[in-house]
Full PDB file with SEQRES, HELIX, SHEET, SSBOND, CRYST1, ORIGX, SCALE, CONECT and MASTER records, all heavy atoms in Angstrom:
SEQRES   1 A   41  ASN GLY GLU PHE THR LYS GLU ALA GLU GLY SER TYR GLU          
SEQRES   2 A   41  ARG ASN ARG ARG ASN ILE THR LEU SER ARG LEU LEU LYS          
SEQRES   3 A   41  LEU CYS ASP VAL TYR VAL VAL SER ILE ASP THR VAL ILE          
SEQRES   4 A   41  ILE HIS                                                      
HELIX    1 AA1 LYS A    6  GLU A   13  1                                   8    
HELIX    2 AA2 LEU A   21  TYR A   31  1                                  11    
HELIX    3 AA3 ILE A   35  ILE A   40  1                                   6    
CRYST1    1.000    1.000    1.000  90.00  90.00  90.00 P 1           1          
ORIGX1      1.000000  0.000000  0.000000        0.00000                         
ORIGX2      0.000000  1.000000  0.000000        0.00000                         
ORIGX3      0.000000  0.000000  1.000000        0.00000                         
SCALE1      1.000000  0.000000  0.000000        0.00000                         
SCALE2      0.000000  1.000000  0.000000        0.00000                         
SCALE3      0.000000  0.000000  1.000000        0.00000                         
ATOM      1  N   ASN A   1      -2.448 105.573 129.983  1.00  0.00           N  
ATOM      2  CA  ASN A   1      -1.589 105.242 128.845  1.00  0.00           C  
ATOM      3  C   ASN A   1      -2.299 104.361 127.820  1.00  0.00           C  
ATOM      4  O   ASN A   1      -1.729 103.427 127.275  1.00  0.00           O  
ATOM      5  CB  ASN A   1      -0.293 104.580 129.308  1.00  0.00           C  
ATOM      6  CG  ASN A   1       0.567 105.522 130.111  1.00  0.00           C  
ATOM      7  OD1 ASN A   1       0.742 106.682 129.746  1.00  0.00           O  
ATOM      8  ND2 ASN A   1       1.076 105.038 131.232  1.00  0.00           N  
ATOM      9  N   GLY A   2      -3.587 104.642 127.612  1.00  0.00           N  
ATOM     10  CA  GLY A   2      -4.353 103.921 126.602  1.00  0.00           C  
ATOM     11  C   GLY A   2      -4.929 102.597 127.053  1.00  0.00           C  
ATOM     12  O   GLY A   2      -5.594 101.914 126.278  1.00  0.00           O  
ATOM     13  N   GLU A   3      -4.691 102.221 128.301  1.00  0.00           N  
ATOM     14  CA  GLU A   3      -5.253 100.956 128.783  1.00  0.00           C  
ATOM     15  C   GLU A   3      -6.783 101.003 128.762  1.00  0.00           C  
ATOM     16  O   GLU A   3      -7.442 100.018 128.435  1.00  0.00           O  
ATOM     17  CB  GLU A   3      -4.780 100.654 130.204  1.00  0.00           C  
ATOM     18  CG  GLU A   3      -5.290  99.342 130.724  1.00  0.00           C  
ATOM     19  CD  GLU A   3      -4.748  98.980 132.088  1.00  0.00           C  
ATOM     20  OE1 GLU A   3      -3.915  99.716 132.641  1.00  0.00           O  
ATOM     21  OE2 GLU A   3      -5.174  97.926 132.597  1.00  0.00           O  
ATOM     22  N   PHE A   4      -7.334 102.161 129.103  1.00  0.00           N  
ATOM     23  CA  PHE A   4      -8.772 102.391 129.012  1.00  0.00           C  
ATOM     24  C   PHE A   4      -8.996 103.457 127.952  1.00  0.00           C  
ATOM     25  O   PHE A   4      -8.822 104.644 128.207  1.00  0.00           O  
ATOM     26  CB  PHE A   4      -9.346 102.879 130.354  1.00  0.00           C  
ATOM     27  CG  PHE A   4      -9.386 101.816 131.402  1.00  0.00           C  
ATOM     28  CD1 PHE A   4      -8.326 101.658 132.277  1.00  0.00           C  
ATOM     29  CD2 PHE A   4     -10.478 100.975 131.512  1.00  0.00           C  
ATOM     30  CE1 PHE A   4      -8.354 100.686 133.252  1.00  0.00           C  
ATOM     31  CE2 PHE A   4     -10.512  99.992 132.484  1.00  0.00           C  
ATOM     32  CZ  PHE A   4      -9.442  99.844 133.358  1.00  0.00           C  
ATOM     33  N   THR A   5      -9.339 103.020 126.758  1.00  0.00           N  
ATOM     34  CA  THR A   5      -9.589 103.988 125.695  1.00  0.00           C  
ATOM     35  C   THR A   5     -10.906 104.707 125.988  1.00  0.00           C  
ATOM     36  O   THR A   5     -11.752 104.192 126.724  1.00  0.00           O  
ATOM     37  CB  THR A   5      -9.686 103.317 124.314  1.00  0.00           C  
ATOM     38  OG1 THR A   5     -10.823 102.441 124.312  1.00  0.00           O  
ATOM     39  CG2 THR A   5      -8.404 102.546 123.980  1.00  0.00           C  
ATOM     40  N   LYS A   6     -11.054 105.884 125.402  1.00  0.00           N  
ATOM     41  CA  LYS A   6     -12.309 106.613 125.618  1.00  0.00           C  
ATOM     42  C   LYS A   6     -13.488 105.824 125.075  1.00  0.00           C  
ATOM     43  O   LYS A   6     -14.580 105.866 125.642  1.00  0.00           O  
ATOM     44  CB  LYS A   6     -12.233 108.017 125.043  1.00  0.00           C  
ATOM     45  CG  LYS A   6     -12.054 108.078 123.558  1.00  0.00           C  
ATOM     46  CD  LYS A   6     -11.924 109.510 123.082  1.00  0.00           C  
ATOM     47  CE  LYS A   6     -11.743 109.532 121.577  1.00  0.00           C  
ATOM     48  NZ  LYS A   6     -11.573 110.878 121.067  1.00  0.00           N  
ATOM     49  N   GLU A   7     -13.274 105.067 124.013  1.00  0.00           N  
ATOM     50  CA  GLU A   7     -14.345 104.252 123.449  1.00  0.00           C  
ATOM     51  C   GLU A   7     -14.755 103.140 124.418  1.00  0.00           C  
ATOM     52  O   GLU A   7     -15.953 102.898 124.615  1.00  0.00           O  
ATOM     53  CB  GLU A   7     -13.916 103.650 122.107  1.00  0.00           C  
ATOM     54  CG  GLU A   7     -13.731 104.654 120.999  1.00  0.00           C  
ATOM     55  CD  GLU A   7     -12.377 105.369 121.017  1.00  0.00           C  
ATOM     56  OE1 GLU A   7     -11.479 104.964 121.782  1.00  0.00           O  
ATOM     57  OE2 GLU A   7     -12.236 106.347 120.274  1.00  0.00           O  
ATOM     58  N   ALA A   8     -13.778 102.467 125.009  1.00  0.00           N  
ATOM     59  CA  ALA A   8     -14.080 101.378 125.942  1.00  0.00           C  
ATOM     60  C   ALA A   8     -14.763 101.923 127.195  1.00  0.00           C  
ATOM     61  O   ALA A   8     -15.798 101.398 127.622  1.00  0.00           O  
ATOM     62  CB  ALA A   8     -12.810 100.628 126.321  1.00  0.00           C  
ATOM     63  N   GLU A   9     -14.191 102.975 127.757  1.00  0.00           N  
ATOM     64  CA  GLU A   9     -14.763 103.565 128.965  1.00  0.00           C  
ATOM     65  C   GLU A   9     -16.182 104.068 128.696  1.00  0.00           C  
ATOM     66  O   GLU A   9     -17.098 103.852 129.488  1.00  0.00           O  
ATOM     67  CB  GLU A   9     -13.873 104.703 129.460  1.00  0.00           C  
ATOM     68  CG  GLU A   9     -14.353 105.377 130.705  1.00  0.00           C  
ATOM     69  CD  GLU A   9     -14.305 104.517 131.942  1.00  0.00           C  
ATOM     70  OE1 GLU A   9     -13.660 103.457 131.946  1.00  0.00           O  
ATOM     71  OE2 GLU A   9     -14.924 104.914 132.930  1.00  0.00           O  
ATOM     72  N   GLY A  10     -16.381 104.717 127.572  1.00  0.00           N  
ATOM     73  CA  GLY A  10     -17.713 105.185 127.205  1.00  0.00           C  
ATOM     74  C   GLY A  10     -18.687 104.038 127.024  1.00  0.00           C  
ATOM     75  O   GLY A  10     -19.859 104.131 127.397  1.00  0.00           O  
ATOM     76  N   SER A  11     -18.200 102.930 126.474  1.00  0.00           N  
ATOM     77  CA  SER A  11     -19.057 101.747 126.295  1.00  0.00           C  
ATOM     78  C   SER A  11     -19.489 101.169 127.630  1.00  0.00           C  
ATOM     79  O   SER A  11     -20.627 100.723 127.780  1.00  0.00           O  
ATOM     80  CB  SER A  11     -18.324 100.678 125.481  1.00  0.00           C  
ATOM     81  OG  SER A  11     -18.151 101.099 124.160  1.00  0.00           O  
ATOM     82  N   TYR A  12     -18.570 101.160 128.609  1.00  0.00           N  
ATOM     83  CA  TYR A  12     -18.946 100.702 129.954  1.00  0.00           C  
ATOM     84  C   TYR A  12     -20.044 101.608 130.513  1.00  0.00           C  
ATOM     85  O   TYR A  12     -21.052 101.140 131.026  1.00  0.00           O  
ATOM     86  CB  TYR A  12     -17.765 100.730 130.917  1.00  0.00           C  
ATOM     87  CG  TYR A  12     -16.613  99.826 130.554  1.00  0.00           C  
ATOM     88  CD1 TYR A  12     -15.300 100.252 130.748  1.00  0.00           C  
ATOM     89  CD2 TYR A  12     -16.809  98.550 130.046  1.00  0.00           C  
ATOM     90  CE1 TYR A  12     -14.228  99.441 130.433  1.00  0.00           C  
ATOM     91  CE2 TYR A  12     -15.738  97.727 129.726  1.00  0.00           C  
ATOM     92  CZ  TYR A  12     -14.444  98.187 129.924  1.00  0.00           C  
ATOM     93  OH  TYR A  12     -13.383  97.384 129.622  1.00  0.00           O  
ATOM     94  N   GLU A  13     -19.822 102.906 130.398  1.00  0.00           N  
ATOM     95  CA  GLU A  13     -20.749 103.869 130.984  1.00  0.00           C  
ATOM     96  C   GLU A  13     -22.108 103.880 130.288  1.00  0.00           C  
ATOM     97  O   GLU A  13     -23.114 104.214 130.909  1.00  0.00           O  
ATOM     98  CB  GLU A  13     -20.134 105.267 130.967  1.00  0.00           C  
ATOM     99  CG  GLU A  13     -18.957 105.391 131.913  1.00  0.00           C  
ATOM    100  CD  GLU A  13     -18.336 106.768 131.923  1.00  0.00           C  
ATOM    101  OE1 GLU A  13     -18.842 107.684 131.227  1.00  0.00           O  
ATOM    102  OE2 GLU A  13     -17.330 106.943 132.639  1.00  0.00           O  
ATOM    103  N   ARG A  14     -22.150 103.534 129.028  1.00  0.00           N  
ATOM    104  CA  ARG A  14     -23.417 103.491 128.290  1.00  0.00           C  
ATOM    105  C   ARG A  14     -24.066 102.109 128.344  1.00  0.00           C  
ATOM    106  O   ARG A  14     -25.085 101.875 127.696  1.00  0.00           O  
ATOM    107  CB  ARG A  14     -23.206 103.905 126.833  1.00  0.00           C  
ATOM    108  CG  ARG A  14     -22.949 105.384 126.651  1.00  0.00           C  
ATOM    109  CD  ARG A  14     -22.906 105.774 125.185  1.00  0.00           C  
ATOM    110  NE  ARG A  14     -21.960 104.989 124.401  1.00  0.00           N  
ATOM    111  CZ  ARG A  14     -20.651 105.225 124.323  1.00  0.00           C  
ATOM    112  NH1 ARG A  14     -20.117 106.227 125.001  1.00  0.00           N  
ATOM    113  NH2 ARG A  14     -19.874 104.462 123.584  1.00  0.00           N  
ATOM    114  N   ASN A  15     -23.456 101.209 129.110  1.00  0.00           N  
ATOM    115  CA  ASN A  15     -23.991  99.859 129.271  1.00  0.00           C  
ATOM    116  C   ASN A  15     -24.007  99.095 127.951  1.00  0.00           C  
ATOM    117  O   ASN A  15     -24.915  98.334 127.672  1.00  0.00           O  
ATOM    118  CB  ASN A  15     -25.389  99.912 129.889  1.00  0.00           C  
ATOM    119  CG  ASN A  15     -25.885  98.555 130.318  1.00  0.00           C  
ATOM    120  OD1 ASN A  15     -25.094  97.663 130.576  1.00  0.00           O  
ATOM    121  ND2 ASN A  15     -27.177  98.393 130.375  1.00  0.00           N  
ATOM    122  N   ARG A  16     -23.001  99.297 127.148  1.00  0.00           N  
ATOM    123  CA  ARG A  16     -22.890  98.583 125.875  1.00  0.00           C  
ATOM    124  C   ARG A  16     -21.790  97.526 125.927  1.00  0.00           C  
ATOM    125  O   ARG A  16     -21.614  96.770 124.984  1.00  0.00           O  
ATOM    126  CB  ARG A  16     -22.611  99.567 124.744  1.00  0.00           C  
ATOM    127  CG  ARG A  16     -23.665 100.621 124.584  1.00  0.00           C  
ATOM    128  CD  ARG A  16     -23.858 100.968 123.135  1.00  0.00           C  
ATOM    129  NE  ARG A  16     -24.732 102.100 122.923  1.00  0.00           N  
ATOM    130  CZ  ARG A  16     -26.042 102.096 122.998  1.00  0.00           C  
ATOM    131  NH1 ARG A  16     -26.660 101.001 123.349  1.00  0.00           N  
ATOM    132  NH2 ARG A  16     -26.742 103.178 122.749  1.00  0.00           N  
ATOM    133  N   ARG A  17     -21.072  97.508 127.022  1.00  0.00           N  
ATOM    134  CA  ARG A  17     -19.956  96.580 127.163  1.00  0.00           C  
ATOM    135  C   ARG A  17     -19.809  96.218 128.637  1.00  0.00           C  
ATOM    136  O   ARG A  17     -19.903  97.078 129.504  1.00  0.00           O  
ATOM    137  CB  ARG A  17     -18.692  97.281 126.660  1.00  0.00           C  
ATOM    138  CG  ARG A  17     -17.460  96.451 126.633  1.00  0.00           C  
ATOM    139  CD  ARG A  17     -16.349  97.270 125.987  1.00  0.00           C  
ATOM    140  NE  ARG A  17     -15.134  96.502 125.900  1.00  0.00           N  
ATOM    141  CZ  ARG A  17     -14.031  96.936 125.356  1.00  0.00           C  
ATOM    142  NH1 ARG A  17     -13.976  98.172 124.858  1.00  0.00           N  
ATOM    143  NH2 ARG A  17     -12.963  96.189 125.295  1.00  0.00           N  
ATOM    144  N   ASN A  18     -19.597  94.937 128.917  1.00  0.00           N  
ATOM    145  CA  ASN A  18     -19.374  94.483 130.284  1.00  0.00           C  
ATOM    146  C   ASN A  18     -17.953  94.806 130.721  1.00  0.00           C  
ATOM    147  O   ASN A  18     -17.027  94.770 129.915  1.00  0.00           O  
ATOM    148  CB  ASN A  18     -19.587  92.981 130.398  1.00  0.00           C  
ATOM    149  CG  ASN A  18     -21.019  92.578 130.178  1.00  0.00           C  
ATOM    150  OD1 ASN A  18     -21.925  93.368 130.383  1.00  0.00           O  
ATOM    151  ND2 ASN A  18     -21.234  91.348 129.750  1.00  0.00           N  
ATOM    152  N   ILE A  19     -17.801  95.075 131.997  1.00  0.00           N  
ATOM    153  CA  ILE A  19     -16.477  95.315 132.550  1.00  0.00           C  
ATOM    154  C   ILE A  19     -16.126  94.148 133.467  1.00  0.00           C  
ATOM    155  O   ILE A  19     -16.980  93.677 134.224  1.00  0.00           O  
ATOM    156  CB  ILE A  19     -16.421  96.659 133.311  1.00  0.00           C  
ATOM    157  CG1 ILE A  19     -14.988  96.998 133.713  1.00  0.00           C  
ATOM    158  CG2 ILE A  19     -17.360  96.673 134.499  1.00  0.00           C  
ATOM    159  CD1 ILE A  19     -14.801  98.419 134.206  1.00  0.00           C  
ATOM    160  N   THR A  20     -14.898  93.669 133.364  1.00  0.00           N  
ATOM    161  CA  THR A  20     -14.457  92.573 134.228  1.00  0.00           C  
ATOM    162  C   THR A  20     -14.098  93.132 135.599  1.00  0.00           C  
ATOM    163  O   THR A  20     -13.857  94.340 135.758  1.00  0.00           O  
ATOM    164  CB  THR A  20     -13.221  91.853 133.645  1.00  0.00           C  
ATOM    165  OG1 THR A  20     -12.136  92.776 133.602  1.00  0.00           O  
ATOM    166  CG2 THR A  20     -13.519  91.295 132.255  1.00  0.00           C  
ATOM    167  N   LEU A  21     -14.053  92.268 136.567  1.00  0.00           N  
ATOM    168  CA  LEU A  21     -13.690  92.686 137.919  1.00  0.00           C  
ATOM    169  C   LEU A  21     -12.290  93.277 137.939  1.00  0.00           C  
ATOM    170  O   LEU A  21     -12.052  94.301 138.590  1.00  0.00           O  
ATOM    171  CB  LEU A  21     -13.802  91.508 138.887  1.00  0.00           C  
ATOM    172  CG  LEU A  21     -13.437  91.812 140.338  1.00  0.00           C  
ATOM    173  CD1 LEU A  21     -14.309  92.937 140.897  1.00  0.00           C  
ATOM    174  CD2 LEU A  21     -13.555  90.551 141.177  1.00  0.00           C  
ATOM    175  N   SER A  22     -11.360  92.668 137.227  1.00  0.00           N  
ATOM    176  CA  SER A  22      -9.983  93.181 137.248  1.00  0.00           C  
ATOM    177  C   SER A  22      -9.917  94.587 136.649  1.00  0.00           C  
ATOM    178  O   SER A  22      -9.208  95.457 137.172  1.00  0.00           O  
ATOM    179  CB  SER A  22      -9.026  92.235 136.523  1.00  0.00           C  
ATOM    180  OG  SER A  22      -9.361  92.125 135.163  1.00  0.00           O  
ATOM    181  N   ARG A  23     -10.670  94.844 135.595  1.00  0.00           N  
ATOM    182  CA  ARG A  23     -10.683  96.192 135.002  1.00  0.00           C  
ATOM    183  C   ARG A  23     -11.420  97.176 135.914  1.00  0.00           C  
ATOM    184  O   ARG A  23     -11.030  98.330 136.031  1.00  0.00           O  
ATOM    185  CB  ARG A  23     -11.282  96.158 133.609  1.00  0.00           C  
ATOM    186  CG  ARG A  23     -10.288  95.462 132.649  1.00  0.00           C  
ATOM    187  CD  ARG A  23     -10.629  95.505 131.219  1.00  0.00           C  
ATOM    188  NE  ARG A  23     -10.730  96.786 130.582  1.00  0.00           N  
ATOM    189  CZ  ARG A  23      -9.709  97.528 130.143  1.00  0.00           C  
ATOM    190  NH1 ARG A  23      -8.470  97.113 130.329  1.00  0.00           N  
ATOM    191  NH2 ARG A  23      -9.924  98.664 129.519  1.00  0.00           N  
ATOM    192  N   LEU A  24     -12.467  96.711 136.577  1.00  0.00           N  
ATOM    193  CA  LEU A  24     -13.169  97.550 137.535  1.00  0.00           C  
ATOM    194  C   LEU A  24     -12.222  97.978 138.663  1.00  0.00           C  
ATOM    195  O   LEU A  24     -12.178  99.147 139.045  1.00  0.00           O  
ATOM    196  CB  LEU A  24     -14.371  96.795 138.100  1.00  0.00           C  
ATOM    197  CG  LEU A  24     -15.171  97.471 139.196  1.00  0.00           C  
ATOM    198  CD1 LEU A  24     -15.782  98.779 138.713  1.00  0.00           C  
ATOM    199  CD2 LEU A  24     -16.256  96.533 139.706  1.00  0.00           C  
ATOM    200  N   LEU A  25     -11.435  97.045 139.152  1.00  0.00           N  
ATOM    201  CA  LEU A  25     -10.473  97.358 140.206  1.00  0.00           C  
ATOM    202  C   LEU A  25      -9.408  98.342 139.715  1.00  0.00           C  
ATOM    203  O   LEU A  25      -8.997  99.237 140.453  1.00  0.00           O  
ATOM    204  CB  LEU A  25      -9.825  96.079 140.734  1.00  0.00           C  
ATOM    205  CG  LEU A  25     -10.752  95.181 141.555  1.00  0.00           C  
ATOM    206  CD1 LEU A  25     -10.099  93.825 141.791  1.00  0.00           C  
ATOM    207  CD2 LEU A  25     -11.138  95.842 142.856  1.00  0.00           C  
ATOM    208  N   LYS A  26      -8.975  98.186 138.473  1.00  0.00           N  
ATOM    209  CA  LYS A  26      -7.998  99.125 137.909  1.00  0.00           C  
ATOM    210  C   LYS A  26      -8.584 100.522 137.802  1.00  0.00           C  
ATOM    211  O   LYS A  26      -7.908 101.513 138.077  1.00  0.00           O  
ATOM    212  CB  LYS A  26      -7.506  98.640 136.547  1.00  0.00           C  
ATOM    213  CG  LYS A  26      -6.572  97.469 136.643  1.00  0.00           C  
ATOM    214  CD  LYS A  26      -6.109  97.020 135.273  1.00  0.00           C  
ATOM    215  CE  LYS A  26      -5.256  95.773 135.390  1.00  0.00           C  
ATOM    216  NZ  LYS A  26      -4.797  95.312 134.073  1.00  0.00           N  
ATOM    217  N   LEU A  27      -9.849 100.610 137.400  1.00  0.00           N  
ATOM    218  CA  LEU A  27     -10.488 101.923 137.333  1.00  0.00           C  
ATOM    219  C   LEU A  27     -10.598 102.545 138.720  1.00  0.00           C  
ATOM    220  O   LEU A  27     -10.417 103.755 138.875  1.00  0.00           O  
ATOM    221  CB  LEU A  27     -11.881 101.827 136.710  1.00  0.00           C  
ATOM    222  CG  LEU A  27     -11.958 102.003 135.212  1.00  0.00           C  
ATOM    223  CD1 LEU A  27     -13.414 101.922 134.746  1.00  0.00           C  
ATOM    224  CD2 LEU A  27     -11.352 103.313 134.755  1.00  0.00           C  
ATOM    225  N   CYS A  28     -10.878 101.745 139.711  1.00  0.00           N  
ATOM    226  CA  CYS A  28     -10.913 102.257 141.082  1.00  0.00           C  
ATOM    227  C   CYS A  28      -9.549 102.830 141.456  1.00  0.00           C  
ATOM    228  O   CYS A  28      -9.473 103.894 142.087  1.00  0.00           O  
ATOM    229  CB  CYS A  28     -11.317 101.159 142.059  1.00  0.00           C  
ATOM    230  SG  CYS A  28     -13.065 100.725 141.968  1.00  0.00           S  
ATOM    231  N   ASP A  29      -8.483 102.176 141.062  1.00  0.00           N  
ATOM    232  CA  ASP A  29      -7.139 102.700 141.311  1.00  0.00           C  
ATOM    233  C   ASP A  29      -6.931 104.028 140.595  1.00  0.00           C  
ATOM    234  O   ASP A  29      -6.379 104.963 141.166  1.00  0.00           O  
ATOM    235  CB  ASP A  29      -6.066 101.710 140.852  1.00  0.00           C  
ATOM    236  CG  ASP A  29      -5.936 100.507 141.769  1.00  0.00           C  
ATOM    237  OD1 ASP A  29      -6.436 100.559 142.913  1.00  0.00           O  
ATOM    238  OD2 ASP A  29      -5.339  99.502 141.329  1.00  0.00           O  
ATOM    239  N   VAL A  30      -7.368 104.108 139.351  1.00  0.00           N  
ATOM    240  CA  VAL A  30      -7.235 105.342 138.571  1.00  0.00           C  
ATOM    241  C   VAL A  30      -7.975 106.482 139.263  1.00  0.00           C  
ATOM    242  O   VAL A  30      -7.473 107.600 139.356  1.00  0.00           O  
ATOM    243  CB  VAL A  30      -7.765 105.143 137.135  1.00  0.00           C  
ATOM    244  CG1 VAL A  30      -7.873 106.472 136.396  1.00  0.00           C  
ATOM    245  CG2 VAL A  30      -6.872 104.182 136.360  1.00  0.00           C  
ATOM    246  N   TYR A  31      -9.164 106.189 139.769  1.00  0.00           N  
ATOM    247  CA  TYR A  31      -9.991 107.213 140.397  1.00  0.00           C  
ATOM    248  C   TYR A  31      -9.650 107.417 141.874  1.00  0.00           C  
ATOM    249  O   TYR A  31     -10.257 108.243 142.538  1.00  0.00           O  
ATOM    250  CB  TYR A  31     -11.470 106.862 140.264  1.00  0.00           C  
ATOM    251  CG  TYR A  31     -11.970 106.784 138.844  1.00  0.00           C  
ATOM    252  CD1 TYR A  31     -13.069 106.014 138.525  1.00  0.00           C  
ATOM    253  CD2 TYR A  31     -11.358 107.475 137.809  1.00  0.00           C  
ATOM    254  CE1 TYR A  31     -13.551 105.944 137.225  1.00  0.00           C  
ATOM    255  CE2 TYR A  31     -11.829 107.401 136.510  1.00  0.00           C  
ATOM    256  CZ  TYR A  31     -12.929 106.641 136.225  1.00  0.00           C  
ATOM    257  OH  TYR A  31     -13.397 106.565 134.944  1.00  0.00           O  
ATOM    258  N   VAL A  32      -8.706 106.623 142.364  1.00  0.00           N  
ATOM    259  CA  VAL A  32      -8.272 106.668 143.764  1.00  0.00           C  
ATOM    260  C   VAL A  32      -9.476 106.534 144.701  1.00  0.00           C  
ATOM    261  O   VAL A  32      -9.750 107.379 145.548  1.00  0.00           O  
ATOM    262  CB  VAL A  32      -7.463 107.949 144.075  1.00  0.00           C  
ATOM    263  CG1 VAL A  32      -6.796 107.841 145.434  1.00  0.00           C  
ATOM    264  CG2 VAL A  32      -6.431 108.235 142.997  1.00  0.00           C  
ATOM    265  N   VAL A  33     -10.186 105.451 144.498  1.00  0.00           N  
ATOM    266  CA  VAL A  33     -11.354 105.139 145.315  1.00  0.00           C  
ATOM    267  C   VAL A  33     -11.381 103.627 145.530  1.00  0.00           C  
ATOM    268  O   VAL A  33     -10.969 102.867 144.655  1.00  0.00           O  
ATOM    269  CB  VAL A  33     -12.653 105.643 144.631  1.00  0.00           C  
ATOM    270  CG1 VAL A  33     -12.905 104.938 143.332  1.00  0.00           C  
ATOM    271  CG2 VAL A  33     -13.843 105.539 145.546  1.00  0.00           C  
ATOM    272  N   SER A  34     -11.825 103.204 146.685  1.00  0.00           N  
ATOM    273  CA  SER A  34     -11.868 101.765 146.953  1.00  0.00           C  
ATOM    274  C   SER A  34     -13.096 101.138 146.307  1.00  0.00           C  
ATOM    275  O   SER A  34     -14.125 101.801 146.113  1.00  0.00           O  
ATOM    276  CB  SER A  34     -11.889 101.498 148.464  1.00  0.00           C  
ATOM    277  OG  SER A  34     -13.147 101.850 149.002  1.00  0.00           O  
ATOM    278  N   ILE A  35     -12.976  99.871 146.006  1.00  0.00           N  
ATOM    279  CA  ILE A  35     -14.115  99.138 145.447  1.00  0.00           C  
ATOM    280  C   ILE A  35     -15.256  99.113 146.466  1.00  0.00           C  
ATOM    281  O   ILE A  35     -16.423  99.176 146.095  1.00  0.00           O  
ATOM    282  CB  ILE A  35     -13.712  97.706 144.994  1.00  0.00           C  
ATOM    283  CG1 ILE A  35     -14.849  97.010 144.240  1.00  0.00           C  
ATOM    284  CG2 ILE A  35     -13.291  96.864 146.172  1.00  0.00           C  
ATOM    285  CD1 ILE A  35     -15.134  97.570 142.889  1.00  0.00           C  
ATOM    286  N   ASP A  36     -14.910  99.080 147.745  1.00  0.00           N  
ATOM    287  CA  ASP A  36     -15.930  99.114 148.797  1.00  0.00           C  
ATOM    288  C   ASP A  36     -16.767 100.380 148.696  1.00  0.00           C  
ATOM    289  O   ASP A  36     -17.991 100.335 148.807  1.00  0.00           O  
ATOM    290  CB  ASP A  36     -15.294  99.052 150.185  1.00  0.00           C  
ATOM    291  CG  ASP A  36     -14.554  97.756 150.451  1.00  0.00           C  
ATOM    292  OD1 ASP A  36     -14.717  96.804 149.670  1.00  0.00           O  
ATOM    293  OD2 ASP A  36     -13.817  97.706 151.442  1.00  0.00           O  
ATOM    294  N   THR A  37     -16.105 101.501 148.491  1.00  0.00           N  
ATOM    295  CA  THR A  37     -16.807 102.778 148.366  1.00  0.00           C  
ATOM    296  C   THR A  37     -17.754 102.757 147.172  1.00  0.00           C  
ATOM    297  O   THR A  37     -18.891 103.220 147.269  1.00  0.00           O  
ATOM    298  CB  THR A  37     -15.800 103.932 148.219  1.00  0.00           C  
ATOM    299  OG1 THR A  37     -14.969 103.952 149.389  1.00  0.00           O  
ATOM    300  CG2 THR A  37     -16.484 105.262 148.053  1.00  0.00           C  
ATOM    301  N   VAL A  38     -17.289 102.218 146.070  1.00  0.00           N  
ATOM    302  CA  VAL A  38     -18.117 102.142 144.867  1.00  0.00           C  
ATOM    303  C   VAL A  38     -19.349 101.277 145.126  1.00  0.00           C  
ATOM    304  O   VAL A  38     -20.476 101.676 144.803  1.00  0.00           O  
ATOM    305  CB  VAL A  38     -17.315 101.592 143.668  1.00  0.00           C  
ATOM    306  CG1 VAL A  38     -18.212 101.344 142.465  1.00  0.00           C  
ATOM    307  CG2 VAL A  38     -16.180 102.543 143.307  1.00  0.00           C  
ATOM    308  N   ILE A  39     -19.150 100.132 145.719  1.00  0.00           N  
ATOM    309  CA  ILE A  39     -20.262  99.213 145.969  1.00  0.00           C  
ATOM    310  C   ILE A  39     -21.248  99.798 146.975  1.00  0.00           C  
ATOM    311  O   ILE A  39     -22.465  99.770 146.755  1.00  0.00           O  
ATOM    312  CB  ILE A  39     -19.750  97.830 146.428  1.00  0.00           C  
ATOM    313  CG1 ILE A  39     -19.015  97.161 145.257  1.00  0.00           C  
ATOM    314  CG2 ILE A  39     -20.888  96.968 146.937  1.00  0.00           C  
ATOM    315  CD1 ILE A  39     -18.262  95.918 145.640  1.00  0.00           C  
ATOM    316  N   ILE A  40     -20.731 100.382 148.043  1.00  0.00           N  
ATOM    317  CA  ILE A  40     -21.618 100.976 149.050  1.00  0.00           C  
ATOM    318  C   ILE A  40     -22.419 102.117 148.441  1.00  0.00           C  
ATOM    319  O   ILE A  40     -23.631 102.212 148.647  1.00  0.00           O  
ATOM    320  CB  ILE A  40     -20.813 101.441 150.283  1.00  0.00           C  
ATOM    321  CG1 ILE A  40     -20.323 100.208 151.050  1.00  0.00           C  
ATOM    322  CG2 ILE A  40     -21.640 102.356 151.171  1.00  0.00           C  
ATOM    323  CD1 ILE A  40     -19.280 100.512 152.114  1.00  0.00           C  
ATOM    324  N   HIS A  41     -21.769 102.975 147.678  1.00  0.00           N  
ATOM    325  CA  HIS A  41     -22.479 104.090 147.036  1.00  0.00           C  
ATOM    326  C   HIS A  41     -23.542 103.568 146.073  1.00  0.00           C  
ATOM    327  O   HIS A  41     -24.639 104.120 145.980  1.00  0.00           O  
ATOM    328  CB  HIS A  41     -21.497 105.012 146.311  1.00  0.00           C  
ATOM    329  CG  HIS A  41     -22.148 106.224 145.752  1.00  0.00           C  
ATOM    330  ND1 HIS A  41     -22.790 106.235 144.537  1.00  0.00           N  
ATOM    331  CD2 HIS A  41     -22.276 107.472 146.253  1.00  0.00           C  
ATOM    332  CE1 HIS A  41     -23.279 107.442 144.311  1.00  0.00           C  
ATOM    333  NE2 HIS A  41     -22.988 108.212 145.326  1.00  0.00           N  
TER     334      HIS A  41                                                      
MASTER        0    0    0    3    0    0    0    6  333    1    0    4          
END                                                                             
């Protein structure tokens, strides 16, 4: 619902913008993956 705009998400992925832990956790929820899985991978 616009919480993660395509511009913001793209900026994270292109390493042009830092992501906070709380937003990282929200993205994990969106992707239905645990933060543990992300870190281990």
